[in-house]
Amino acid sequence: MRDLPLTYVCDMGAATEGIRPYIMHMFAECGAKHMVLSCWLMEEILKDGRLVSKVMAEAAAEGLTFVDAHALFGAFYDLRTVDESRLHHIILLDKLQIAICAEMGVNTITMHPGGDATNPEIPLEKQTENTIRTLDAILPEAEACGVTICIENSWSRLSCPNNLLKIKSRFPTDALGFCYDSGHANILSSKAKQYEQCGARDRWTVPYGMEPEWEDQALEKMQPHIVNCHLHDNHAQRDEHDLPGTGTVDWKHVIAGLYAAPRLKCIQCEVLPLRSKVTIPALCQTFDKLLKQ
């Protein structure tokens, strides 16, 4: 078994600044060594750059380091931006997030291509080209900073594995890879076919009147380019971000496939403790057992 850093995300930002050192202390006490520069922390750092040194000092006091990052996401921030007036700002923002990663010793940042169903009037091909255009502008910054951009799979047409492979084929550089999300892959798997209402149908059937292209080989298709991963569970209906073992993800298959991914740099726990009401000890114990199976 390869010795890869295991990183933990916590759904907190500066709004919880008073308890942030305590959260880090709890993770450290439970055996954690690495944290994620989350989208929530990234957002606060973008508001106040002085937080870089403060957050790093808080982590170092507990023997923790930041290994991977998640960029801001949502229709306002995703790579596929369809608002031409904001393209320049999105590119600058992404470059700044990459530079912050480099300053904090983080060498992978996950970015979302986006959900095409938000703008069904815009053809998928156009939204794919928009994603490629943004990546073309920011990848030189990633290469210069030694940071790998990881585009993440989801249950939308734009971010399904087949379309991610189309995007990756335009960029041979190692500065671009994939983030494999176990929960997202489960939502687009054939396990979701039993549900009349589910995440995949919300992105395919509702806006386009088409059956989702159910995908049971997401891990295998993405494997050569997987650099980071987000591990969490669900029942294939919604994006629950629950503990492994509480849903329908095939964890033996996922762990074996990830360890066989030649470019994989780290493994991220993306169970959201505040949202899912999972204790930090339960989180760390579950992942310790998961990676030893």
C-alpha atoms as a PDB file:
ATOM      1  CA  MET A   1       0.000   0.000   0.000  1.00  0.00           C
ATOM      2  CA  ARG A   2       1.408   3.384  -1.042  1.00  0.00           C
ATOM      3  CA  ASP A   3       2.155   5.863   1.732  1.00  0.00           C
ATOM      4  CA  LEU A   4       0.041   8.860   0.750  1.00  0.00           C
ATOM      5  CA  PRO A   5      -0.960  11.779   2.974  1.00  0.00           C
ATOM      6  CA  LEU A   6      -4.536  11.636   4.270  1.00  0.00           C
ATOM      7  CA  THR A   7      -6.089  15.080   4.501  1.00  0.00           C
ATOM      8  CA  TYR A   8      -9.199  16.252   6.323  1.00  0.00           C
ATOM      9  CA  VAL A   9     -11.587  19.029   5.367  1.00  0.00           C
ATOM     10  CA  CYS A  10     -13.678  20.969   7.847  1.00  0.00           C
ATOM     11  CA  ASP A  11     -16.584  23.114   6.681  1.00  0.00           C
ATOM     12  CA  MET A  12     -15.501  26.244   8.506  1.00  0.00           C
ATOM     13  CA  GLY A  13     -14.212  29.697   7.663  1.00  0.00           C
ATOM     14  CA  ALA A  14     -13.357  32.885   9.494  1.00  0.00           C
ATOM     15  CA  ALA A  15     -16.905  32.993  10.851  1.00  0.00           C
ATOM     16  CA  THR A  16     -15.732  30.260  13.208  1.00  0.00           C
ATOM     17  CA  GLU A  17     -12.319  31.831  13.806  1.00  0.00           C
ATOM     18  CA  GLY A  18     -12.736  31.536  17.545  1.00  0.00           C
ATOM     19  CA  ILE A  19     -13.014  27.761  17.378  1.00  0.00           C
ATOM     20  CA  ARG A  20     -10.664  27.110  14.443  1.00  0.00           C
ATOM     21  CA  PRO A  21      -7.628  26.360  16.655  1.00  0.00           C
ATOM     22  CA  TYR A  22      -9.811  24.037  18.730  1.00  0.00           C
ATOM     23  CA  ILE A  23     -11.000  22.176  15.613  1.00  0.00           C
ATOM     24  CA  MET A  24      -7.383  21.737  14.494  1.00  0.00           C
ATOM     25  CA  HIS A  25      -6.446  20.567  17.995  1.00  0.00           C
ATOM     26  CA  MET A  26      -9.201  17.949  17.894  1.00  0.00           C
ATOM     27  CA  PHE A  27      -8.044  16.639  14.518  1.00  0.00           C
ATOM     28  CA  ALA A  28      -4.451  16.447  15.763  1.00  0.00           C
ATOM     29  CA  GLU A  29      -5.494  14.654  18.958  1.00  0.00           C
ATOM     30  CA  CYS A  30      -7.291  12.066  16.815  1.00  0.00           C
ATOM     31  CA  GLY A  31      -4.155  11.372  14.797  1.00  0.00           C
ATOM     32  CA  ALA A  32      -4.619  13.659  11.800  1.00  0.00           C
ATOM     33  CA  LYS A  33      -1.482  15.078  10.209  1.00  0.00           C
ATOM     34  CA  HIS A  34      -2.831  17.069   7.293  1.00  0.00           C
ATOM     35  CA  MET A  35      -5.684  19.491   6.593  1.00  0.00           C
ATOM     36  CA  VAL A  36      -7.338  20.793   3.441  1.00  0.00           C
ATOM     37  CA  LEU A  37      -7.135  24.435   2.455  1.00  0.00           C
ATOM     38  CA  SER A  38     -10.903  24.392   2.008  1.00  0.00           C
ATOM     39  CA  CYS A  39     -12.998  26.661  -0.155  1.00  0.00           C
ATOM     40  CA  TRP A  40     -14.285  28.274   3.053  1.00  0.00           C
ATOM     41  CA  LEU A  41     -10.792  29.093   4.300  1.00  0.00           C
ATOM     42  CA  MET A  42      -9.752  30.153   0.800  1.00  0.00           C
ATOM     43  CA  GLU A  43     -12.641  32.608   0.663  1.00  0.00           C
ATOM     44  CA  GLU A  44     -11.609  34.208   3.941  1.00  0.00           C
ATOM     45  CA  ILE A  45      -7.952  34.395   2.905  1.00  0.00           C
ATOM     46  CA  LEU A  46      -9.005  36.163  -0.288  1.00  0.00           C
ATOM     47  CA  LYS A  47     -10.732  38.758   1.888  1.00  0.00           C
ATOM     48  CA  ASP A  48      -7.719  39.184   4.184  1.00  0.00           C
ATOM     49  CA  GLY A  49      -4.324  37.948   3.027  1.00  0.00           C
ATOM     50  CA  ARG A  50      -2.966  38.245   6.572  1.00  0.00           C
ATOM     51  CA  LEU A  51      -4.848  35.046   7.373  1.00  0.00           C
ATOM     52  CA  VAL A  52      -2.277  33.008   5.427  1.00  0.00           C
ATOM     53  CA  SER A  53       0.358  33.280   8.140  1.00  0.00           C
ATOM     54  CA  LYS A  54      -2.211  33.079  10.933  1.00  0.00           C
ATOM     55  CA  VAL A  55      -3.860  29.882   9.687  1.00  0.00           C
ATOM     56  CA  MET A  56      -0.500  28.279   8.940  1.00  0.00           C
ATOM     57  CA  ALA A  57       0.698  29.119  12.463  1.00  0.00           C
ATOM     58  CA  GLU A  58      -2.452  27.642  13.986  1.00  0.00           C
ATOM     59  CA  ALA A  59      -1.900  24.434  12.017  1.00  0.00           C
ATOM     60  CA  ALA A  60       1.812  24.265  12.818  1.00  0.00           C
ATOM     61  CA  ALA A  61       1.068  24.627  16.532  1.00  0.00           C
ATOM     62  CA  GLU A  62      -0.792  21.319  16.286  1.00  0.00           C
ATOM     63  CA  GLY A  63       1.763  19.616  14.045  1.00  0.00           C
ATOM     64  CA  LEU A  64      -0.562  19.901  11.035  1.00  0.00           C
ATOM     65  CA  THR A  65       0.211  20.910   7.460  1.00  0.00           C
ATOM     66  CA  PHE A  66      -1.948  21.868   4.500  1.00  0.00           C
ATOM     67  CA  VAL A  67      -1.548  19.501   1.557  1.00  0.00           C
ATOM     68  CA  ASP A  68      -4.389  20.122  -0.897  1.00  0.00           C
ATOM     69  CA  ALA A  69      -6.903  22.857  -1.637  1.00  0.00           C
ATOM     70  CA  HIS A  70     -10.363  23.476  -3.018  1.00  0.00           C
ATOM     71  CA  ALA A  71     -11.065  26.594  -5.050  1.00  0.00           C
ATOM     72  CA  LEU A  72     -14.189  28.692  -4.704  1.00  0.00           C
ATOM     73  CA  PHE A  73     -17.025  27.119  -6.664  1.00  0.00           C
ATOM     74  CA  GLY A  74     -20.567  27.750  -7.851  1.00  0.00           C
ATOM     75  CA  ALA A  75     -22.076  29.374 -10.920  1.00  0.00           C
ATOM     76  CA  PHE A  76     -20.284  32.631 -10.073  1.00  0.00           C
ATOM     77  CA  TYR A  77     -16.822  31.008  -9.890  1.00  0.00           C
ATOM     78  CA  ASP A  78     -16.733  27.807 -11.970  1.00  0.00           C
ATOM     79  CA  LEU A  79     -14.340  27.326 -14.874  1.00  0.00           C
ATOM     80  CA  ARG A  80     -17.163  27.228 -17.420  1.00  0.00           C
ATOM     81  CA  THR A  81     -18.241  30.823 -16.655  1.00  0.00           C
ATOM     82  CA  VAL A  82     -20.806  31.979 -19.206  1.00  0.00           C
ATOM     83  CA  ASP A  83     -20.658  35.632 -18.166  1.00  0.00           C
ATOM     84  CA  GLU A  84     -18.169  37.097 -20.607  1.00  0.00           C
ATOM     85  CA  SER A  85     -17.923  40.309 -18.600  1.00  0.00           C
ATOM     86  CA  ARG A  86     -16.531  38.321 -15.654  1.00  0.00           C
ATOM     87  CA  LEU A  87     -14.054  36.106 -17.510  1.00  0.00           C
ATOM     88  CA  HIS A  88     -11.073  38.371 -16.798  1.00  0.00           C
ATOM     89  CA  HIS A  89     -11.953  38.481 -13.100  1.00  0.00           C
ATOM     90  CA  ILE A  90     -12.390  34.699 -12.906  1.00  0.00           C
ATOM     91  CA  ILE A  91      -8.950  34.179 -14.463  1.00  0.00           C
ATOM     92  CA  LEU A  92      -7.324  36.620 -12.028  1.00  0.00           C
ATOM     93  CA  LEU A  93      -9.133  35.012  -9.097  1.00  0.00           C
ATOM     94  CA  ASP A  94      -8.035  31.514 -10.098  1.00  0.00           C
ATOM     95  CA  LYS A  95      -4.434  32.639 -10.539  1.00  0.00           C
ATOM     96  CA  LEU A  96      -4.519  34.236  -7.088  1.00  0.00           C
ATOM     97  CA  GLN A  97      -5.876  31.037  -5.522  1.00  0.00           C
ATOM     98  CA  ILE A  98      -3.074  29.076  -7.192  1.00  0.00           C
ATOM     99  CA  ALA A  99      -0.498  31.535  -5.841  1.00  0.00           C
ATOM    100  CA  ILE A 100      -1.964  31.232  -2.326  1.00  0.00           C
ATOM    101  CA  CYS A 101      -1.607  27.448  -2.587  1.00  0.00           C
ATOM    102  CA  ALA A 102       2.054  27.816  -3.497  1.00  0.00           C
ATOM    103  CA  GLU A 103       2.627  30.184  -0.565  1.00  0.00           C
ATOM    104  CA  MET A 104       1.098  27.658   1.824  1.00  0.00           C
ATOM    105  CA  GLY A 105       3.009  24.661   0.457  1.00  0.00           C
ATOM    106  CA  VAL A 106      -0.086  23.163  -1.177  1.00  0.00           C
ATOM    107  CA  ASN A 107       0.526  21.404  -4.492  1.00  0.00           C
ATOM    108  CA  THR A 108      -2.973  20.455  -5.695  1.00  0.00           C
ATOM    109  CA  ILE A 109      -6.104  22.565  -6.049  1.00  0.00           C
ATOM    110  CA  THR A 110      -9.468  21.153  -7.049  1.00  0.00           C
ATOM    111  CA  MET A 111     -11.602  23.254  -9.373  1.00  0.00           C
ATOM    112  CA  HIS A 112     -15.113  22.673 -10.682  1.00  0.00           C
ATOM    113  CA  PRO A 113     -15.819  22.868 -14.416  1.00  0.00           C
ATOM    114  CA  GLY A 114     -19.408  23.537 -13.314  1.00  0.00           C
ATOM    115  CA  GLY A 115     -22.939  22.386 -13.907  1.00  0.00           C
ATOM    116  CA  ASP A 116     -24.142  22.997 -17.455  1.00  0.00           C
ATOM    117  CA  ALA A 117     -27.800  22.546 -16.405  1.00  0.00           C
ATOM    118  CA  THR A 118     -27.716  25.983 -14.754  1.00  0.00           C
ATOM    119  CA  ASN A 119     -27.771  27.406 -18.281  1.00  0.00           C
ATOM    120  CA  PRO A 120     -29.489  24.788 -20.457  1.00  0.00           C
ATOM    121  CA  GLU A 121     -29.924  27.341 -23.233  1.00  0.00           C
ATOM    122  CA  ILE A 122     -26.144  27.314 -23.787  1.00  0.00           C
ATOM    123  CA  PRO A 123     -24.925  24.199 -25.675  1.00  0.00           C
ATOM    124  CA  LEU A 124     -22.715  21.745 -23.809  1.00  0.00           C
ATOM    125  CA  GLU A 125     -20.017  22.207 -26.458  1.00  0.00           C
ATOM    126  CA  LYS A 126     -19.888  25.947 -25.737  1.00  0.00           C
ATOM    127  CA  GLN A 127     -19.656  25.412 -21.976  1.00  0.00           C
ATOM    128  CA  THR A 128     -16.907  22.844 -22.520  1.00  0.00           C
ATOM    129  CA  GLU A 129     -14.973  25.314 -24.664  1.00  0.00           C
ATOM    130  CA  ASN A 130     -15.412  27.981 -21.986  1.00  0.00           C
ATOM    131  CA  THR A 131     -13.859  25.592 -19.460  1.00  0.00           C
ATOM    132  CA  ILE A 132     -10.960  24.913 -21.804  1.00  0.00           C
ATOM    133  CA  ARG A 133     -10.492  28.634 -22.404  1.00  0.00           C
ATOM    134  CA  THR A 134     -10.224  29.355 -18.683  1.00  0.00           C
ATOM    135  CA  LEU A 135      -7.817  26.465 -18.128  1.00  0.00           C
ATOM    136  CA  ASP A 136      -5.677  27.652 -21.023  1.00  0.00           C
ATOM    137  CA  ALA A 137      -5.324  31.013 -19.275  1.00  0.00           C
ATOM    138  CA  ILE A 138      -4.508  29.722 -15.788  1.00  0.00           C
ATOM    139  CA  LEU A 139      -2.427  26.607 -16.411  1.00  0.00           C
ATOM    140  CA  PRO A 140       0.787  28.623 -17.014  1.00  0.00           C
ATOM    141  CA  GLU A 141       0.391  30.027 -13.488  1.00  0.00           C
ATOM    142  CA  ALA A 142      -0.088  26.521 -12.113  1.00  0.00           C
ATOM    143  CA  GLU A 143       3.017  25.287 -13.931  1.00  0.00           C
ATOM    144  CA  ALA A 144       5.075  28.219 -12.638  1.00  0.00           C
ATOM    145  CA  CYS A 145       3.883  27.631  -9.055  1.00  0.00           C
ATOM    146  CA  GLY A 146       4.277  23.852  -9.105  1.00  0.00           C
ATOM    147  CA  VAL A 147       0.563  23.394  -8.388  1.00  0.00           C
ATOM    148  CA  THR A 148      -1.624  20.815 -10.127  1.00  0.00           C
ATOM    149  CA  ILE A 149      -5.158  21.864 -11.047  1.00  0.00           C
ATOM    150  CA  CYS A 150      -7.535  18.942 -10.495  1.00  0.00           C
ATOM    151  CA  ILE A 151     -10.863  19.126 -12.286  1.00  0.00           C
ATOM    152  CA  GLU A 152     -13.558  17.244 -10.426  1.00  0.00           C
ATOM    153  CA  ASN A 153     -16.167  14.813 -11.680  1.00  0.00           C
ATOM    154  CA  SER A 154     -19.811  15.387 -10.863  1.00  0.00           C
ATOM    155  CA  TRP A 155     -23.194  14.163 -12.069  1.00  0.00           C
ATOM    156  CA  SER A 156     -23.626  16.880 -14.719  1.00  0.00           C
ATOM    157  CA  ARG A 157     -23.000  16.487 -18.447  1.00  0.00           C
ATOM    158  CA  LEU A 158     -20.151  19.006 -18.338  1.00  0.00           C
ATOM    159  CA  SER A 159     -18.334  17.284 -15.480  1.00  0.00           C
ATOM    160  CA  CYS A 160     -19.053  13.632 -16.203  1.00  0.00           C
ATOM    161  CA  PRO A 161     -15.944  11.467 -16.730  1.00  0.00           C
ATOM    162  CA  ASN A 162     -16.283  11.273 -20.510  1.00  0.00           C
ATOM    163  CA  ASN A 163     -16.357  15.061 -20.838  1.00  0.00           C
ATOM    164  CA  LEU A 164     -13.484  15.507 -18.375  1.00  0.00           C
ATOM    165  CA  LEU A 165     -11.418  13.237 -20.603  1.00  0.00           C
ATOM    166  CA  LYS A 166     -12.238  15.456 -23.591  1.00  0.00           C
ATOM    167  CA  ILE A 167     -11.048  18.485 -21.654  1.00  0.00           C
ATOM    168  CA  LYS A 168      -7.875  16.776 -20.436  1.00  0.00           C
ATOM    169  CA  SER A 169      -7.033  15.657 -24.003  1.00  0.00           C
ATOM    170  CA  ARG A 170      -6.485  19.324 -24.884  1.00  0.00           C
ATOM    171  CA  PHE A 171      -3.789  19.718 -22.209  1.00  0.00           C
ATOM    172  CA  PRO A 172      -0.899  17.217 -22.095  1.00  0.00           C
ATOM    173  CA  THR A 173       0.699  19.104 -19.193  1.00  0.00           C
ATOM    174  CA  ASP A 174       1.020  17.407 -15.792  1.00  0.00           C
ATOM    175  CA  ALA A 175      -0.245  20.665 -14.282  1.00  0.00           C
ATOM    176  CA  LEU A 176      -3.755  19.412 -15.074  1.00  0.00           C
ATOM    177  CA  GLY A 177      -5.229  16.268 -13.562  1.00  0.00           C
ATOM    178  CA  PHE A 178      -8.422  14.926 -12.072  1.00  0.00           C
ATOM    179  CA  CYS A 179     -10.000  14.908  -8.645  1.00  0.00           C
ATOM    180  CA  TYR A 180     -12.043  11.723  -8.304  1.00  0.00           C
ATOM    181  CA  ASP A 181     -15.081  12.284  -6.103  1.00  0.00           C
ATOM    182  CA  SER A 182     -16.542   9.017  -4.818  1.00  0.00           C
ATOM    183  CA  GLY A 183     -19.881  10.512  -3.829  1.00  0.00           C
ATOM    184  CA  HIS A 184     -20.350  12.290  -7.142  1.00  0.00           C
ATOM    185  CA  ALA A 185     -19.480   9.141  -9.059  1.00  0.00           C
ATOM    186  CA  ASN A 186     -22.077   7.226  -7.039  1.00  0.00           C
ATOM    187  CA  ILE A 187     -24.800   9.731  -7.940  1.00  0.00           C
ATOM    188  CA  LEU A 188     -24.189   9.150 -11.663  1.00  0.00           C
ATOM    189  CA  SER A 189     -23.890   5.370 -11.297  1.00  0.00           C
ATOM    190  CA  SER A 190     -26.611   2.898 -12.280  1.00  0.00           C
ATOM    191  CA  LYS A 191     -27.496   2.635  -8.575  1.00  0.00           C
ATOM    192  CA  ALA A 192     -29.382   5.914  -9.005  1.00  0.00           C
ATOM    193  CA  LYS A 193     -31.687   4.563 -11.728  1.00  0.00           C
ATOM    194  CA  GLN A 194     -34.152   3.374  -9.072  1.00  0.00           C
ATOM    195  CA  TYR A 195     -34.958   6.959  -8.076  1.00  0.00           C
ATOM    196  CA  GLU A 196     -37.531   9.003  -9.993  1.00  0.00           C
ATOM    197  CA  GLN A 197     -36.048  12.088  -8.377  1.00  0.00           C
ATOM    198  CA  CYS A 198     -32.289  12.264  -7.855  1.00  0.00           C
ATOM    199  CA  GLY A 199     -29.274  14.429  -8.494  1.00  0.00           C
ATOM    200  CA  ALA A 200     -28.490  12.941 -11.882  1.00  0.00           C
ATOM    201  CA  ARG A 201     -32.036  13.343 -13.179  1.00  0.00           C
ATOM    202  CA  ASP A 202     -32.023  16.939 -11.915  1.00  0.00           C
ATOM    203  CA  ARG A 203     -29.049  17.648 -14.192  1.00  0.00           C
ATOM    204  CA  TRP A 204     -30.072  15.585 -17.244  1.00  0.00           C
ATOM    205  CA  THR A 205     -33.800  14.814 -17.327  1.00  0.00           C
ATOM    206  CA  VAL A 206     -35.294  17.984 -15.862  1.00  0.00           C
ATOM    207  CA  PRO A 207     -33.454  20.546 -18.047  1.00  0.00           C
ATOM    208  CA  TYR A 208     -32.859  18.441 -21.179  1.00  0.00           C
ATOM    209  CA  GLY A 209     -35.529  15.732 -21.156  1.00  0.00           C
ATOM    210  CA  MET A 210     -32.889  13.039 -21.498  1.00  0.00           C
ATOM    211  CA  GLU A 211     -31.979   9.963 -19.500  1.00  0.00           C
ATOM    212  CA  PRO A 212     -28.676  10.385 -17.637  1.00  0.00           C
ATOM    213  CA  GLU A 213     -25.722   8.567 -19.146  1.00  0.00           C
ATOM    214  CA  TRP A 214     -25.298   6.237 -16.190  1.00  0.00           C
ATOM    215  CA  GLU A 215     -21.618   5.663 -15.526  1.00  0.00           C
ATOM    216  CA  ASP A 216     -20.260   2.683 -13.605  1.00  0.00           C
ATOM    217  CA  GLN A 217     -16.665   3.018 -14.843  1.00  0.00           C
ATOM    218  CA  ALA A 218     -15.872   6.530 -13.611  1.00  0.00           C
ATOM    219  CA  LEU A 219     -12.892   5.437 -11.538  1.00  0.00           C
ATOM    220  CA  GLU A 220     -11.408   3.316 -14.315  1.00  0.00           C
ATOM    221  CA  LYS A 221     -11.832   6.064 -16.918  1.00  0.00           C
ATOM    222  CA  MET A 222     -10.345   8.771 -14.724  1.00  0.00           C
ATOM    223  CA  GLN A 223      -7.624   6.615 -13.147  1.00  0.00           C
ATOM    224  CA  PRO A 224      -4.628   7.584 -15.348  1.00  0.00           C
ATOM    225  CA  HIS A 225      -5.093  11.257 -14.485  1.00  0.00           C
ATOM    226  CA  ILE A 226      -6.297  11.132 -10.864  1.00  0.00           C
ATOM    227  CA  VAL A 227      -4.101  13.385  -8.692  1.00  0.00           C
ATOM    228  CA  ASN A 228      -6.471  14.003  -5.797  1.00  0.00           C
ATOM    229  CA  CYS A 229      -9.674  12.421  -4.530  1.00  0.00           C
ATOM    230  CA  HIS A 230     -12.659  13.362  -2.373  1.00  0.00           C
ATOM    231  CA  LEU A 231     -13.976  10.462  -0.348  1.00  0.00           C
ATOM    232  CA  HIS A 232     -17.462  10.432   1.163  1.00  0.00           C
ATOM    233  CA  ASP A 233     -20.606   8.318   0.940  1.00  0.00           C
ATOM    234  CA  ASN A 234     -24.235   8.631  -0.110  1.00  0.00           C
ATOM    235  CA  HIS A 235     -27.148   6.513  -1.342  1.00  0.00           C
ATOM    236  CA  ALA A 236     -26.739   7.565  -5.002  1.00  0.00           C
ATOM    237  CA  GLN A 237     -29.684   9.958  -4.755  1.00  0.00           C
ATOM    238  CA  ARG A 238     -28.203  13.125  -3.227  1.00  0.00           C
ATOM    239  CA  ASP A 239     -24.767  14.572  -2.377  1.00  0.00           C
ATOM    240  CA  GLU A 240     -24.860  13.766   1.338  1.00  0.00           C
ATOM    241  CA  HIS A 241     -21.119  13.831   2.179  1.00  0.00           C
ATOM    242  CA  ASP A 242     -21.583  11.100   4.777  1.00  0.00           C
ATOM    243  CA  LEU A 243     -19.173   8.697   6.444  1.00  0.00           C
ATOM    244  CA  PRO A 244     -17.890   5.786   4.333  1.00  0.00           C
ATOM    245  CA  GLY A 245     -19.962   2.726   5.095  1.00  0.00           C
ATOM    246  CA  THR A 246     -23.220   4.595   5.643  1.00  0.00           C
ATOM    247  CA  GLY A 247     -24.197   4.630   1.968  1.00  0.00           C
ATOM    248  CA  THR A 248     -23.833   2.520  -1.168  1.00  0.00           C
ATOM    249  CA  VAL A 249     -20.308   3.358  -2.393  1.00  0.00           C
ATOM    250  CA  ASP A 250     -18.241   0.190  -3.000  1.00  0.00           C
ATOM    251  CA  TRP A 251     -15.280   1.117  -0.847  1.00  0.00           C
ATOM    252  CA  LYS A 252     -13.070  -1.893  -1.596  1.00  0.00           C
ATOM    253  CA  HIS A 253     -13.321  -1.083  -5.285  1.00  0.00           C
ATOM    254  CA  VAL A 254     -12.678   2.634  -4.734  1.00  0.00           C
ATOM    255  CA  ILE A 255      -9.641   2.234  -2.475  1.00  0.00           C
ATOM    256  CA  ALA A 256      -8.038  -0.410  -4.695  1.00  0.00           C
ATOM    257  CA  GLY A 257      -8.611   1.721  -7.784  1.00  0.00           C
ATOM    258  CA  LEU A 258      -7.203   4.841  -6.210  1.00  0.00           C
ATOM    259  CA  TYR A 259      -4.043   3.157  -4.993  1.00  0.00           C
ATOM    260  CA  ALA A 260      -3.523   1.943  -8.558  1.00  0.00           C
ATOM    261  CA  ALA A 261      -3.779   5.510  -9.922  1.00  0.00           C
ATOM    262  CA  PRO A 262      -0.206   6.393 -10.961  1.00  0.00           C
ATOM    263  CA  ARG A 263      -0.474  10.146 -10.356  1.00  0.00           C
ATOM    264  CA  LEU A 264      -2.344  10.123  -7.036  1.00  0.00           C
ATOM    265  CA  LYS A 265      -0.709  12.527  -4.548  1.00  0.00           C
ATOM    266  CA  CYS A 266      -3.048  12.407  -1.565  1.00  0.00           C
ATOM    267  CA  ILE A 267      -6.326  11.062  -0.232  1.00  0.00           C
ATOM    268  CA  GLN A 268      -8.872  13.523   1.081  1.00  0.00           C
ATOM    269  CA  CYS A 269     -11.676  12.874   3.542  1.00  0.00           C
ATOM    270  CA  GLU A 270     -14.479  15.105   2.280  1.00  0.00           C
ATOM    271  CA  VAL A 271     -17.016  14.107   4.876  1.00  0.00           C
ATOM    272  CA  LEU A 272     -18.246  17.473   6.176  1.00  0.00           C
ATOM    273  CA  PRO A 273     -18.355  17.142   9.974  1.00  0.00           C
ATOM    274  CA  LEU A 274     -20.440  20.225  10.757  1.00  0.00           C
ATOM    275  CA  ARG A 275     -22.974  19.536   8.023  1.00  0.00           C
ATOM    276  CA  SER A 276     -23.164  15.789   8.650  1.00  0.00           C
ATOM    277  CA  LYS A 277     -22.894  16.064  12.452  1.00  0.00           C
ATOM    278  CA  VAL A 278     -20.069  13.515  12.476  1.00  0.00           C
ATOM    279  CA  THR A 279     -17.621  13.731  15.367  1.00  0.00           C
ATOM    280  CA  ILE A 280     -13.959  14.198  14.576  1.00  0.00           C
ATOM    281  CA  PRO A 281     -12.949  10.998  16.456  1.00  0.00           C
ATOM    282  CA  ALA A 282     -15.494   8.984  14.417  1.00  0.00           C
ATOM    283  CA  LEU A 283     -14.194  10.596  11.239  1.00  0.00           C
ATOM    284  CA  CYS A 284     -10.550   9.754  11.908  1.00  0.00           C
ATOM    285  CA  GLN A 285     -11.309   6.227  13.132  1.00  0.00           C
ATOM    286  CA  THR A 286     -13.412   5.486  10.050  1.00  0.00           C
ATOM    287  CA  PHE A 287     -10.721   6.627   7.630  1.00  0.00           C
ATOM    288  CA  ASP A 288      -7.992   4.806   9.520  1.00  0.00           C
ATOM    289  CA  LYS A 289      -9.922   1.567   9.078  1.00  0.00           C
ATOM    290  CA  LEU A 290     -10.916   2.378   5.512  1.00  0.00           C
ATOM    291  CA  LEU A 291      -7.367   2.789   4.284  1.00  0.00           C
ATOM    292  CA  LYS A 292      -6.209  -0.400   5.997  1.00  0.00           C
ATOM    293  CA  GLN A 293      -8.754  -2.682   4.341  1.00  0.00           C
END
